[in-house]
Amino acid sequence: MNTQHIYNIIVAAGSGSRFGASLPKQYCLLNSRPVLMHTIENMRKALPDSHIVLVLNKDFIDYWAELCEEYSFVSPSIVEGGDTRWQSVKNAIDKIPADAQVITVHDGARPIVNADMVARLIDALDSAPGAIPVVSVTDSLRQINESGSTPVDRSLYKAVQTPQAFHADKLVEAYSLPFDATFTDDASVLAALGYDVTLVEGDTNNIKITNPLDIEIAQLYLRQQ
């Protein structure tokens, strides 16, 4: 597929309240550069000549411009985020041209995305309307119920990552639906229209920066690239 018809939405509009730092996690330093710059750079490497739409909180757009100047970094086009992740993605979709063939959606706080995994996602779209990367669950799981909890077979579950990739027309159609609380990721939005996605092998290194310790873990993974 011609990557010029691929549009990558990178969602980085969150406040990072769980991270516990003075700045949202996407702006904290990872190997002497903001996390978000690593994310963008790795998506550019994975899909050369594709397009990136960066979604930012309106209160941090000027700050991002200052960071780009400080680090001599060329920013993708920017869209203002919404009050929810769903609204942020929808804002970006509304800016994507009608000739787009594929749209991917990626979390700005996942800086270790690699080209092999992205290639698996794009290839999977030959036979499915959407594809998402998953990894096996390694912890034991329990289901909470009224009487307490019961163990469940973890082999029946997978942990979902981003980026997630979709036929552009299907994702645009899905995001025309009104918001629903069951929309936990983009695949769940697509499911509301009755479309199923295919699962592809994710990458255990593709961690989401959630806690300060994750920065140190990501530094180790970056050295392996």
N, C-alpha and C. Protein backbone atom coordinates (compact mmCIF):
# COMPACT_ATOMS: atom_id res chain seq x y z
N MET A 1 0.83 -1.20 0.00
CA MET A 1 0.00 0.00 0.00
C MET A 1 0.87 1.25 0.00
N ASN A 2 0.45 2.25 -0.76
CA ASN A 2 1.15 3.52 -0.80
C ASN A 2 0.96 4.23 0.54
N THR A 3 2.05 4.43 1.26
CA THR A 3 1.93 5.03 2.60
C THR A 3 1.47 6.47 2.57
N GLN A 4 1.46 7.10 1.39
CA GLN A 4 0.97 8.47 1.31
C GLN A 4 -0.53 8.56 1.59
N HIS A 5 -1.21 7.42 1.55
CA HIS A 5 -2.65 7.41 1.84
C HIS A 5 -2.93 6.89 3.25
N ILE A 6 -1.88 6.83 4.09
CA ILE A 6 -2.03 6.42 5.48
C ILE A 6 -1.92 7.66 6.37
N TYR A 7 -2.86 7.80 7.29
CA TYR A 7 -2.86 8.90 8.24
C TYR A 7 -2.78 8.33 9.65
N ASN A 8 -1.82 8.81 10.41
CA ASN A 8 -1.57 8.32 11.76
C ASN A 8 -1.98 9.38 12.78
N ILE A 9 -2.98 9.08 13.55
CA ILE A 9 -3.39 9.98 14.63
C ILE A 9 -2.59 9.61 15.88
N ILE A 10 -1.89 10.57 16.43
CA ILE A 10 -1.19 10.37 17.70
C ILE A 10 -1.89 11.21 18.76
N VAL A 11 -2.47 10.53 19.73
CA VAL A 11 -3.27 11.21 20.75
C VAL A 11 -2.39 11.54 21.95
N ALA A 12 -2.22 12.83 22.21
CA ALA A 12 -1.36 13.27 23.31
C ALA A 12 -2.00 14.44 24.04
N ALA A 13 -3.32 14.36 24.23
CA ALA A 13 -4.06 15.47 24.82
C ALA A 13 -4.35 15.28 26.29
N GLY A 14 -3.87 14.18 26.87
CA GLY A 14 -4.17 13.90 28.27
C GLY A 14 -3.42 14.80 29.23
N SER A 15 -3.97 14.88 30.45
CA SER A 15 -3.35 15.73 31.48
C SER A 15 -2.26 15.02 32.24
N GLY A 16 -2.22 13.66 32.14
CA GLY A 16 -1.18 12.91 32.83
C GLY A 16 -1.30 12.96 34.34
N SER A 17 -2.53 13.05 34.84
CA SER A 17 -2.74 13.23 36.28
C SER A 17 -2.22 12.05 37.09
N ARG A 18 -2.27 10.84 36.51
CA ARG A 18 -1.80 9.65 37.24
C ARG A 18 -0.28 9.57 37.30
N PHE A 19 0.39 10.31 36.44
CA PHE A 19 1.83 10.21 36.35
C PHE A 19 2.53 10.82 37.56
N GLY A 20 1.93 11.86 38.14
CA GLY A 20 2.47 12.44 39.36
C GLY A 20 3.62 13.39 39.16
N ALA A 21 3.79 13.93 37.95
CA ALA A 21 4.86 14.90 37.68
C ALA A 21 4.24 16.26 37.43
N SER A 22 5.11 17.28 37.35
CA SER A 22 4.62 18.64 37.14
C SER A 22 4.13 18.85 35.71
N LEU A 23 4.57 17.97 34.79
CA LEU A 23 4.15 18.03 33.40
C LEU A 23 3.44 16.73 33.01
N PRO A 24 2.54 16.78 32.05
CA PRO A 24 1.99 15.53 31.52
C PRO A 24 3.12 14.62 31.02
N LYS A 25 2.93 13.32 31.12
CA LYS A 25 4.00 12.36 30.84
C LYS A 25 4.57 12.48 29.43
N GLN A 26 3.75 12.88 28.47
CA GLN A 26 4.24 12.95 27.09
C GLN A 26 5.30 14.02 26.89
N TYR A 27 5.41 14.95 27.85
CA TYR A 27 6.41 16.02 27.74
C TYR A 27 7.62 15.78 28.63
N CYS A 28 7.58 14.75 29.46
CA CYS A 28 8.72 14.45 30.32
C CYS A 28 9.87 13.90 29.49
N LEU A 29 11.08 14.05 30.00
CA LEU A 29 12.26 13.68 29.22
C LEU A 29 12.51 12.18 29.25
N LEU A 30 12.83 11.66 28.09
CA LEU A 30 13.23 10.27 27.90
C LEU A 30 14.48 10.30 27.02
N ASN A 31 15.61 9.87 27.56
CA ASN A 31 16.87 9.97 26.81
C ASN A 31 17.10 11.39 26.28
N SER A 32 16.88 12.36 27.16
CA SER A 32 17.19 13.77 26.90
C SER A 32 16.26 14.45 25.89
N ARG A 33 15.14 13.80 25.57
CA ARG A 33 14.12 14.43 24.72
C ARG A 33 12.75 14.08 25.24
N PRO A 34 11.75 14.91 24.99
CA PRO A 34 10.40 14.59 25.44
C PRO A 34 9.91 13.25 24.88
N VAL A 35 9.16 12.52 25.69
CA VAL A 35 8.60 11.23 25.29
C VAL A 35 7.89 11.33 23.94
N LEU A 36 7.10 12.36 23.76
CA LEU A 36 6.29 12.49 22.55
C LEU A 36 7.14 12.55 21.29
N MET A 37 8.31 13.14 21.37
CA MET A 37 9.17 13.21 20.19
C MET A 37 9.65 11.82 19.77
N HIS A 38 9.93 10.96 20.74
CA HIS A 38 10.30 9.58 20.41
C HIS A 38 9.13 8.86 19.72
N THR A 39 7.93 9.07 20.24
CA THR A 39 6.75 8.43 19.65
C THR A 39 6.57 8.84 18.20
N ILE A 40 6.63 10.13 17.95
CA ILE A 40 6.46 10.64 16.59
C ILE A 40 7.57 10.13 15.68
N GLU A 41 8.79 10.18 16.15
CA GLU A 41 9.92 9.76 15.33
C GLU A 41 9.82 8.28 14.95
N ASN A 42 9.41 7.45 15.89
CA ASN A 42 9.30 6.02 15.60
C ASN A 42 8.13 5.71 14.66
N MET A 43 7.05 6.47 14.73
CA MET A 43 5.97 6.29 13.76
C MET A 43 6.42 6.75 12.37
N ARG A 44 7.21 7.80 12.31
CA ARG A 44 7.74 8.25 11.02
C ARG A 44 8.65 7.19 10.40
N LYS A 45 9.46 6.54 11.23
CA LYS A 45 10.33 5.48 10.74
C LYS A 45 9.53 4.28 10.28
N ALA A 46 8.46 3.97 10.99
CA ALA A 46 7.65 2.80 10.67
C ALA A 46 6.89 2.96 9.36
N LEU A 47 6.41 4.18 9.08
CA LEU A 47 5.60 4.42 7.89
C LEU A 47 6.08 5.69 7.18
N PRO A 48 7.22 5.60 6.51
CA PRO A 48 7.75 6.78 5.80
C PRO A 48 6.73 7.28 4.77
N ASP A 49 6.68 8.58 4.61
CA ASP A 49 5.80 9.26 3.65
C ASP A 49 4.32 9.24 4.05
N SER A 50 4.00 8.61 5.19
CA SER A 50 2.62 8.71 5.68
C SER A 50 2.45 10.06 6.39
N HIS A 51 1.25 10.32 6.84
CA HIS A 51 0.95 11.61 7.46
C HIS A 51 0.62 11.41 8.94
N ILE A 52 1.03 12.35 9.76
CA ILE A 52 0.73 12.29 11.19
C ILE A 52 -0.12 13.48 11.58
N VAL A 53 -1.17 13.20 12.32
CA VAL A 53 -2.01 14.25 12.92
C VAL A 53 -1.84 14.14 14.43
N LEU A 54 -1.29 15.17 15.02
CA LEU A 54 -0.98 15.17 16.45
C LEU A 54 -2.09 15.90 17.22
N VAL A 55 -2.65 15.22 18.21
CA VAL A 55 -3.74 15.81 19.00
C VAL A 55 -3.19 16.26 20.35
N LEU A 56 -3.30 17.54 20.64
CA LEU A 56 -2.76 18.12 21.87
C LEU A 56 -3.85 18.87 22.63
N ASN A 57 -3.68 18.88 23.95
CA ASN A 57 -4.50 19.74 24.80
C ASN A 57 -4.22 21.20 24.41
N LYS A 58 -5.27 21.98 24.27
CA LYS A 58 -5.10 23.36 23.80
C LYS A 58 -4.18 24.16 24.72
N ASP A 59 -4.12 23.80 25.99
CA ASP A 59 -3.29 24.54 26.93
C ASP A 59 -1.80 24.23 26.77
N PHE A 60 -1.46 23.21 25.97
CA PHE A 60 -0.06 22.84 25.81
C PHE A 60 0.44 23.00 24.37
N ILE A 61 -0.38 23.56 23.51
CA ILE A 61 0.05 23.73 22.11
C ILE A 61 1.23 24.70 22.03
N ASP A 62 1.17 25.81 22.73
CA ASP A 62 2.28 26.76 22.71
C ASP A 62 3.53 26.16 23.35
N TYR A 63 3.34 25.41 24.42
CA TYR A 63 4.48 24.77 25.08
C TYR A 63 5.15 23.77 24.14
N TRP A 64 4.35 23.01 23.40
CA TRP A 64 4.90 22.06 22.43
C TRP A 64 5.71 22.80 21.36
N ALA A 65 5.22 23.94 20.91
CA ALA A 65 5.96 24.72 19.93
C ALA A 65 7.31 25.15 20.48
N GLU A 66 7.34 25.52 21.76
CA GLU A 66 8.61 25.90 22.39
C GLU A 66 9.56 24.71 22.46
N LEU A 67 9.02 23.53 22.79
CA LEU A 67 9.86 22.33 22.85
C LEU A 67 10.43 21.99 21.48
N CYS A 68 9.60 22.11 20.45
CA CYS A 68 10.07 21.80 19.10
C CYS A 68 11.20 22.74 18.68
N GLU A 69 11.09 23.99 19.06
CA GLU A 69 12.16 24.94 18.75
C GLU A 69 13.42 24.60 19.55
N GLU A 70 13.24 24.26 20.82
CA GLU A 70 14.39 23.96 21.68
C GLU A 70 15.14 22.73 21.19
N TYR A 71 14.42 21.73 20.71
CA TYR A 71 15.05 20.47 20.31
C TYR A 71 15.18 20.33 18.79
N SER A 72 14.93 21.41 18.05
CA SER A 72 15.03 21.41 16.59
C SER A 72 14.22 20.25 15.99
N PHE A 73 12.99 20.13 16.43
CA PHE A 73 12.12 19.03 16.03
C PHE A 73 10.99 19.58 15.17
N VAL A 74 10.72 18.91 14.06
CA VAL A 74 9.65 19.33 13.17
C VAL A 74 8.35 18.67 13.60
N SER A 75 7.40 19.46 14.01
CA SER A 75 6.13 18.92 14.50
C SER A 75 5.22 18.51 13.35
N PRO A 76 4.44 17.45 13.56
CA PRO A 76 3.35 17.17 12.60
C PRO A 76 2.28 18.24 12.72
N SER A 77 1.28 18.16 11.86
CA SER A 77 0.13 19.05 11.97
C SER A 77 -0.59 18.77 13.29
N ILE A 78 -1.16 19.80 13.88
CA ILE A 78 -1.74 19.71 15.22
C ILE A 78 -3.24 19.95 15.17
N VAL A 79 -3.96 19.15 15.95
CA VAL A 79 -5.39 19.31 16.14
C VAL A 79 -5.64 19.46 17.64
N GLU A 80 -6.55 20.33 17.99
CA GLU A 80 -6.88 20.54 19.40
C GLU A 80 -7.71 19.37 19.93
N GLY A 81 -7.32 18.86 21.10
CA GLY A 81 -8.02 17.74 21.70
C GLY A 81 -9.35 18.12 22.32
N GLY A 82 -10.11 17.10 22.70
CA GLY A 82 -11.40 17.32 23.34
C GLY A 82 -11.38 16.94 24.80
N ASP A 83 -12.55 16.88 25.41
CA ASP A 83 -12.65 16.56 26.83
C ASP A 83 -12.42 15.08 27.10
N THR A 84 -12.57 14.23 26.10
CA THR A 84 -12.36 12.79 26.24
C THR A 84 -11.45 12.32 25.12
N ARG A 85 -10.89 11.11 25.29
CA ARG A 85 -10.05 10.55 24.22
C ARG A 85 -10.88 10.37 22.95
N TRP A 86 -12.12 9.90 23.11
CA TRP A 86 -13.00 9.72 21.96
C TRP A 86 -13.15 11.02 21.18
N GLN A 87 -13.40 12.11 21.89
CA GLN A 87 -13.58 13.40 21.22
C GLN A 87 -12.29 13.86 20.56
N SER A 88 -11.16 13.58 21.20
CA SER A 88 -9.87 13.96 20.62
C SER A 88 -9.63 13.23 19.30
N VAL A 89 -9.92 11.93 19.29
CA VAL A 89 -9.75 11.16 18.05
C VAL A 89 -10.72 11.67 16.98
N LYS A 90 -11.94 11.93 17.36
CA LYS A 90 -12.93 12.43 16.40
C LYS A 90 -12.49 13.77 15.82
N ASN A 91 -11.95 14.65 16.65
CA ASN A 91 -11.45 15.93 16.15
C ASN A 91 -10.39 15.73 15.07
N ALA A 92 -9.52 14.73 15.29
CA ALA A 92 -8.47 14.44 14.31
C ALA A 92 -9.05 13.84 13.04
N ILE A 93 -9.98 12.89 13.20
CA ILE A 93 -10.61 12.27 12.03
C ILE A 93 -11.29 13.30 11.15
N ASP A 94 -11.90 14.29 11.76
CA ASP A 94 -12.60 15.33 11.01
C ASP A 94 -11.65 16.15 10.14
N LYS A 95 -10.35 16.11 10.42
CA LYS A 95 -9.36 16.87 9.67
C LYS A 95 -8.66 16.03 8.59
N ILE A 96 -8.95 14.74 8.54
CA ILE A 96 -8.27 13.85 7.60
C ILE A 96 -8.97 13.89 6.24
N PRO A 97 -8.22 14.02 5.15
CA PRO A 97 -8.82 14.11 3.82
C PRO A 97 -9.62 12.87 3.44
N ALA A 98 -10.54 13.04 2.53
CA ALA A 98 -11.43 11.94 2.12
C ALA A 98 -10.70 10.86 1.35
N ASP A 99 -9.50 11.15 0.81
CA ASP A 99 -8.78 10.14 0.03
C ASP A 99 -7.92 9.22 0.90
N ALA A 100 -8.00 9.37 2.21
CA ALA A 100 -7.25 8.48 3.10
C ALA A 100 -7.74 7.05 2.94
N GLN A 101 -6.81 6.11 2.93
CA GLN A 101 -7.16 4.70 2.81
C GLN A 101 -7.07 3.97 4.15
N VAL A 102 -6.11 4.39 4.96
CA VAL A 102 -5.88 3.76 6.27
C VAL A 102 -5.71 4.85 7.30
N ILE A 103 -6.29 4.63 8.46
CA ILE A 103 -6.06 5.51 9.61
C ILE A 103 -5.55 4.64 10.76
N THR A 104 -4.45 5.04 11.35
CA THR A 104 -3.99 4.39 12.58
C THR A 104 -4.18 5.37 13.73
N VAL A 105 -4.37 4.83 14.92
CA VAL A 105 -4.51 5.66 16.12
C VAL A 105 -3.53 5.13 17.16
N HIS A 106 -2.70 6.02 17.67
CA HIS A 106 -1.63 5.62 18.59
C HIS A 106 -1.58 6.56 19.78
N ASP A 107 -1.23 6.01 20.93
CA ASP A 107 -1.08 6.81 22.14
C ASP A 107 0.27 7.51 22.14
N GLY A 108 0.26 8.80 22.41
CA GLY A 108 1.51 9.55 22.45
C GLY A 108 2.46 9.09 23.52
N ALA A 109 1.95 8.38 24.53
CA ALA A 109 2.78 7.91 25.63
C ALA A 109 3.31 6.49 25.40
N ARG A 110 3.26 6.01 24.16
CA ARG A 110 3.89 4.72 23.81
C ARG A 110 5.04 5.01 22.83
N PRO A 111 6.21 5.34 23.35
CA PRO A 111 7.30 5.80 22.48
C PRO A 111 8.11 4.69 21.83
N ILE A 112 7.90 3.41 22.21
CA ILE A 112 8.77 2.33 21.72
C ILE A 112 8.14 1.58 20.56
N VAL A 113 7.14 2.13 19.92
CA VAL A 113 6.50 1.46 18.79
C VAL A 113 7.55 1.14 17.72
N ASN A 114 7.47 -0.07 17.15
CA ASN A 114 8.49 -0.45 16.17
C ASN A 114 7.87 -0.79 14.82
N ALA A 115 8.71 -0.73 13.79
CA ALA A 115 8.25 -0.85 12.41
C ALA A 115 7.68 -2.24 12.10
N ASP A 116 8.26 -3.29 12.68
CA ASP A 116 7.78 -4.64 12.39
C ASP A 116 6.32 -4.82 12.83
N MET A 117 6.01 -4.32 14.02
CA MET A 117 4.64 -4.46 14.51
C MET A 117 3.68 -3.64 13.65
N VAL A 118 4.08 -2.44 13.28
CA VAL A 118 3.22 -1.61 12.44
C VAL A 118 2.98 -2.28 11.09
N ALA A 119 4.01 -2.91 10.54
CA ALA A 119 3.87 -3.62 9.26
C ALA A 119 2.87 -4.75 9.38
N ARG A 120 2.89 -5.46 10.50
CA ARG A 120 1.91 -6.55 10.70
C ARG A 120 0.49 -6.01 10.71
N LEU A 121 0.30 -4.85 11.30
CA LEU A 121 -1.03 -4.24 11.35
C LEU A 121 -1.52 -3.87 9.95
N ILE A 122 -0.66 -3.22 9.19
CA ILE A 122 -1.05 -2.78 7.85
C ILE A 122 -1.32 -3.99 6.96
N ASP A 123 -0.49 -5.01 7.04
CA ASP A 123 -0.69 -6.22 6.23
C ASP A 123 -2.02 -6.89 6.56
N ALA A 124 -2.40 -6.87 7.84
CA ALA A 124 -3.64 -7.53 8.27
C ALA A 124 -4.88 -6.87 7.69
N LEU A 125 -4.76 -5.62 7.26
CA LEU A 125 -5.92 -4.92 6.69
C LEU A 125 -6.30 -5.44 5.31
N ASP A 126 -5.47 -6.31 4.74
CA ASP A 126 -5.83 -6.92 3.45
C ASP A 126 -7.08 -7.79 3.59
N SER A 127 -7.33 -8.27 4.80
CA SER A 127 -8.45 -9.20 4.98
C SER A 127 -9.37 -8.83 6.14
N ALA A 128 -9.22 -7.64 6.69
CA ALA A 128 -10.05 -7.23 7.82
C ALA A 128 -10.22 -5.71 7.82
N PRO A 129 -11.34 -5.22 8.37
CA PRO A 129 -11.56 -3.77 8.42
C PRO A 129 -10.69 -3.05 9.45
N GLY A 130 -10.14 -3.82 10.40
CA GLY A 130 -9.29 -3.23 11.43
C GLY A 130 -8.36 -4.27 12.00
N ALA A 131 -7.26 -3.81 12.58
CA ALA A 131 -6.28 -4.71 13.19
C ALA A 131 -5.71 -4.04 14.43
N ILE A 132 -5.56 -4.83 15.50
CA ILE A 132 -5.02 -4.29 16.74
C ILE A 132 -3.92 -5.21 17.27
N PRO A 133 -2.88 -4.64 17.89
CA PRO A 133 -1.81 -5.46 18.45
C PRO A 133 -2.16 -5.90 19.87
N VAL A 134 -1.87 -7.16 20.16
CA VAL A 134 -2.18 -7.69 21.49
C VAL A 134 -0.99 -8.49 22.01
N VAL A 135 -0.90 -8.60 23.32
CA VAL A 135 0.13 -9.42 23.97
C VAL A 135 -0.56 -10.29 25.01
N SER A 136 0.09 -11.40 25.33
CA SER A 136 -0.47 -12.32 26.32
C SER A 136 -0.46 -11.70 27.71
N VAL A 137 -1.45 -12.07 28.50
CA VAL A 137 -1.51 -11.64 29.90
C VAL A 137 -0.65 -12.58 30.73
N THR A 138 0.28 -12.04 31.48
CA THR A 138 1.19 -12.87 32.27
C THR A 138 0.79 -12.98 33.74
N ASP A 139 0.02 -12.03 34.24
CA ASP A 139 -0.44 -12.09 35.62
C ASP A 139 -1.66 -13.00 35.74
N SER A 140 -1.84 -13.57 36.91
CA SER A 140 -3.09 -14.28 37.19
C SER A 140 -4.23 -13.27 37.26
N LEU A 141 -5.42 -13.72 36.85
CA LEU A 141 -6.57 -12.83 36.81
C LEU A 141 -7.69 -13.37 37.68
N ARG A 142 -8.44 -12.44 38.27
CA ARG A 142 -9.64 -12.81 39.03
C ARG A 142 -10.77 -11.89 38.60
N GLN A 143 -11.97 -12.47 38.52
CA GLN A 143 -13.16 -11.70 38.18
C GLN A 143 -13.91 -11.36 39.46
N ILE A 144 -14.21 -10.07 39.63
CA ILE A 144 -14.93 -9.61 40.81
C ILE A 144 -16.42 -9.86 40.63
N ASN A 145 -17.05 -10.42 41.65
CA ASN A 145 -18.49 -10.64 41.61
C ASN A 145 -19.09 -10.30 42.96
N GLU A 146 -20.41 -10.48 43.11
CA GLU A 146 -21.10 -10.07 44.33
C GLU A 146 -20.62 -10.83 45.56
N SER A 147 -20.18 -12.05 45.37
CA SER A 147 -19.75 -12.86 46.52
C SER A 147 -18.25 -12.77 46.78
N GLY A 148 -17.55 -12.01 45.99
CA GLY A 148 -16.10 -11.87 46.18
C GLY A 148 -15.38 -11.87 44.86
N SER A 149 -14.64 -12.94 44.55
CA SER A 149 -13.94 -13.03 43.27
C SER A 149 -13.67 -14.49 42.94
N THR A 150 -13.48 -14.74 41.64
CA THR A 150 -13.16 -16.09 41.19
C THR A 150 -12.03 -16.01 40.18
N PRO A 151 -11.15 -17.02 40.16
CA PRO A 151 -10.06 -17.01 39.17
C PRO A 151 -10.60 -17.27 37.77
N VAL A 152 -9.94 -16.69 36.77
CA VAL A 152 -10.32 -16.91 35.38
C VAL A 152 -9.09 -17.39 34.61
N ASP A 153 -9.33 -18.04 33.49
CA ASP A 153 -8.27 -18.58 32.66
C ASP A 153 -7.63 -17.45 31.86
N ARG A 154 -6.41 -17.09 32.22
CA ARG A 154 -5.79 -15.95 31.55
C ARG A 154 -5.48 -16.22 30.08
N SER A 155 -5.45 -17.50 29.67
CA SER A 155 -5.19 -17.80 28.26
C SER A 155 -6.34 -17.34 27.36
N LEU A 156 -7.48 -17.03 27.96
CA LEU A 156 -8.63 -16.56 27.19
C LEU A 156 -8.62 -15.05 26.98
N TYR A 157 -7.59 -14.36 27.49
CA TYR A 157 -7.55 -12.91 27.45
C TYR A 157 -6.24 -12.42 26.82
N LYS A 158 -6.31 -11.26 26.22
CA LYS A 158 -5.15 -10.58 25.67
C LYS A 158 -5.17 -9.12 26.11
N ALA A 159 -3.99 -8.56 26.30
CA ALA A 159 -3.87 -7.13 26.58
C ALA A 159 -3.71 -6.38 25.26
N VAL A 160 -4.45 -5.30 25.09
CA VAL A 160 -4.49 -4.57 23.83
C VAL A 160 -3.55 -3.37 23.88
N GLN A 161 -2.83 -3.14 22.78
CA GLN A 161 -1.91 -2.03 22.66
C GLN A 161 -2.36 -1.09 21.54
N THR A 162 -1.57 -0.08 21.31
CA THR A 162 -1.69 0.77 20.11
C THR A 162 -0.31 0.81 19.47
N PRO A 163 -0.25 1.17 18.16
CA PRO A 163 -1.32 1.71 17.33
C PRO A 163 -2.33 0.65 16.92
N GLN A 164 -3.52 1.13 16.65
CA GLN A 164 -4.56 0.30 16.05
C GLN A 164 -4.81 0.85 14.64
N ALA A 165 -5.02 -0.06 13.68
CA ALA A 165 -5.11 0.35 12.28
C ALA A 165 -6.46 -0.04 11.70
N PHE A 166 -6.98 0.81 10.81
CA PHE A 166 -8.33 0.61 10.28
C PHE A 166 -8.43 1.09 8.84
N HIS A 167 -9.34 0.46 8.09
CA HIS A 167 -9.74 1.06 6.82
C HIS A 167 -10.34 2.43 7.15
N ALA A 168 -9.89 3.44 6.48
CA ALA A 168 -10.28 4.81 6.83
C ALA A 168 -11.79 5.01 6.78
N ASP A 169 -12.45 4.50 5.74
CA ASP A 169 -13.88 4.73 5.61
C ASP A 169 -14.66 4.09 6.75
N LYS A 170 -14.19 2.93 7.22
CA LYS A 170 -14.89 2.25 8.32
C LYS A 170 -14.74 3.03 9.62
N LEU A 171 -13.54 3.55 9.88
CA LEU A 171 -13.33 4.28 11.13
C LEU A 171 -14.08 5.61 11.12
N VAL A 172 -14.09 6.28 9.98
CA VAL A 172 -14.84 7.53 9.87
C VAL A 172 -16.33 7.26 10.12
N GLU A 173 -16.83 6.19 9.55
CA GLU A 173 -18.24 5.83 9.76
C GLU A 173 -18.51 5.55 11.23
N ALA A 174 -17.60 4.82 11.87
CA ALA A 174 -17.79 4.47 13.28
C ALA A 174 -17.79 5.71 14.17
N TYR A 175 -16.94 6.66 13.86
CA TYR A 175 -16.87 7.87 14.68
C TYR A 175 -17.99 8.87 14.37
N SER A 176 -18.88 8.51 13.46
CA SER A 176 -20.08 9.33 13.26
C SER A 176 -21.16 8.98 14.28
N LEU A 177 -20.96 7.86 14.99
CA LEU A 177 -21.90 7.47 16.04
C LEU A 177 -21.74 8.38 17.25
N PRO A 178 -22.79 8.54 18.05
CA PRO A 178 -22.65 9.30 19.29
C PRO A 178 -21.79 8.54 20.29
N PHE A 179 -21.19 9.25 21.20
CA PHE A 179 -20.30 8.64 22.20
C PHE A 179 -21.07 7.66 23.08
N ASP A 180 -20.37 6.59 23.44
CA ASP A 180 -20.91 5.59 24.35
C ASP A 180 -19.83 5.24 25.36
N ALA A 181 -20.20 5.01 26.60
CA ALA A 181 -19.22 4.73 27.65
C ALA A 181 -18.46 3.43 27.41
N THR A 182 -18.96 2.57 26.53
CA THR A 182 -18.28 1.31 26.23
C THR A 182 -17.12 1.50 25.26
N PHE A 183 -16.94 2.72 24.74
CA PHE A 183 -15.86 2.99 23.79
C PHE A 183 -14.55 3.18 24.56
N THR A 184 -13.86 2.08 24.84
CA THR A 184 -12.61 2.15 25.59
C THR A 184 -11.40 2.31 24.69
N ASP A 185 -11.53 1.96 23.42
CA ASP A 185 -10.47 2.17 22.44
C ASP A 185 -11.14 2.27 21.07
N ASP A 186 -10.34 2.41 20.04
CA ASP A 186 -10.91 2.63 18.71
C ASP A 186 -11.56 1.37 18.15
N ALA A 187 -11.02 0.21 18.50
CA ALA A 187 -11.62 -1.05 18.06
C ALA A 187 -13.03 -1.19 18.63
N SER A 188 -13.25 -0.72 19.84
CA SER A 188 -14.59 -0.81 20.42
C SER A 188 -15.57 0.13 19.73
N VAL A 189 -15.06 1.24 19.20
CA VAL A 189 -15.92 2.14 18.43
C VAL A 189 -16.33 1.44 17.13
N LEU A 190 -15.37 0.80 16.48
CA LEU A 190 -15.67 0.07 15.25
C LEU A 190 -16.67 -1.07 15.50
N ALA A 191 -16.53 -1.73 16.65
CA ALA A 191 -17.41 -2.85 16.99
C ALA A 191 -18.86 -2.41 17.10
N ALA A 192 -19.09 -1.14 17.44
CA ALA A 192 -20.45 -0.64 17.59
C ALA A 192 -21.21 -0.66 16.27
N LEU A 193 -20.48 -0.71 15.15
CA LEU A 193 -21.11 -0.81 13.84
C LEU A 193 -21.19 -2.25 13.35
N GLY A 194 -20.73 -3.18 14.18
CA GLY A 194 -20.78 -4.58 13.80
C GLY A 194 -19.55 -5.09 13.10
N TYR A 195 -18.50 -4.25 13.00
CA TYR A 195 -17.26 -4.68 12.38
C TYR A 195 -16.34 -5.31 13.42
N ASP A 196 -15.70 -6.40 13.04
CA ASP A 196 -14.75 -7.06 13.93
C ASP A 196 -13.33 -6.72 13.47
N VAL A 197 -12.39 -6.83 14.36
CA VAL A 197 -11.00 -6.57 14.04
C VAL A 197 -10.21 -7.87 14.15
N THR A 198 -9.08 -7.90 13.47
CA THR A 198 -8.20 -9.05 13.59
C THR A 198 -7.10 -8.71 14.60
N LEU A 199 -6.62 -9.71 15.31
CA LEU A 199 -5.57 -9.51 16.31
C LEU A 199 -4.22 -9.87 15.69
N VAL A 200 -3.24 -9.03 15.92
CA VAL A 200 -1.88 -9.33 15.47
C VAL A 200 -0.95 -9.29 16.67
N GLU A 201 0.20 -9.91 16.50
CA GLU A 201 1.16 -9.96 17.60
C GLU A 201 1.66 -8.57 17.94
N GLY A 202 1.53 -8.20 19.20
CA GLY A 202 2.04 -6.93 19.66
C GLY A 202 3.51 -7.03 20.04
N ASP A 203 3.94 -6.16 20.93
CA ASP A 203 5.34 -6.11 21.33
C ASP A 203 5.39 -5.78 22.81
N THR A 204 6.00 -6.66 23.60
CA THR A 204 6.06 -6.42 25.04
C THR A 204 6.88 -5.18 25.38
N ASN A 205 7.75 -4.75 24.47
CA ASN A 205 8.51 -3.51 24.70
C ASN A 205 7.67 -2.26 24.49
N ASN A 206 6.54 -2.42 23.85
CA ASN A 206 5.69 -1.29 23.48
C ASN A 206 4.85 -0.83 24.68
N ILE A 207 5.53 -0.42 25.72
CA ILE A 207 4.86 -0.05 26.96
C ILE A 207 4.26 1.35 26.87
N LYS A 208 3.25 1.57 27.68
CA LYS A 208 2.66 2.90 27.80
C LYS A 208 3.23 3.55 29.05
N ILE A 209 3.77 4.74 28.89
CA ILE A 209 4.32 5.47 30.03
C ILE A 209 3.16 5.90 30.93
N THR A 210 3.10 5.32 32.11
CA THR A 210 2.02 5.61 33.05
C THR A 210 2.56 6.11 34.38
N ASN A 211 3.66 5.51 34.83
CA ASN A 211 4.29 5.87 36.10
C ASN A 211 5.72 6.33 35.86
N PRO A 212 6.29 7.12 36.77
CA PRO A 212 7.67 7.61 36.57
C PRO A 212 8.68 6.49 36.31
N LEU A 213 8.51 5.32 36.92
CA LEU A 213 9.44 4.23 36.70
C LEU A 213 9.42 3.75 35.25
N ASP A 214 8.29 3.95 34.57
CA ASP A 214 8.19 3.53 33.17
C ASP A 214 9.19 4.27 32.29
N ILE A 215 9.56 5.48 32.66
CA ILE A 215 10.56 6.23 31.90
C ILE A 215 11.89 5.47 31.90
N GLU A 216 12.28 4.96 33.06
CA GLU A 216 13.54 4.21 33.15
C GLU A 216 13.47 2.92 32.35
N ILE A 217 12.31 2.26 32.39
CA ILE A 217 12.14 1.02 31.61
C ILE A 217 12.22 1.34 30.12
N ALA A 218 11.58 2.42 29.70
CA ALA A 218 11.61 2.81 28.29
C ALA A 218 13.02 3.14 27.83
N GLN A 219 13.82 3.71 28.70
CA GLN A 219 15.21 4.00 28.34
C GLN A 219 15.96 2.72 28.02
N LEU A 220 15.71 1.65 28.77
CA LEU A 220 16.36 0.37 28.49
C LEU A 220 15.90 -0.17 27.14
N TYR A 221 14.63 -0.07 26.85
CA TYR A 221 14.11 -0.58 25.58
C TYR A 221 14.64 0.20 24.39
N LEU A 222 14.77 1.52 24.56
CA LEU A 222 15.29 2.35 23.47
C LEU A 222 16.72 1.95 23.09
N ARG A 223 17.48 1.53 24.08
CA ARG A 223 18.86 1.10 23.79
C ARG A 223 18.91 -0.14 22.93
N GLN A 224 17.83 -0.92 22.93
CA GLN A 224 17.79 -2.16 22.15
C GLN A 224 17.36 -1.94 20.71
N GLN A 225 16.87 -0.74 20.41
CA GLN A 225 16.39 -0.47 19.04
C GLN A 225 17.55 -0.31 18.07
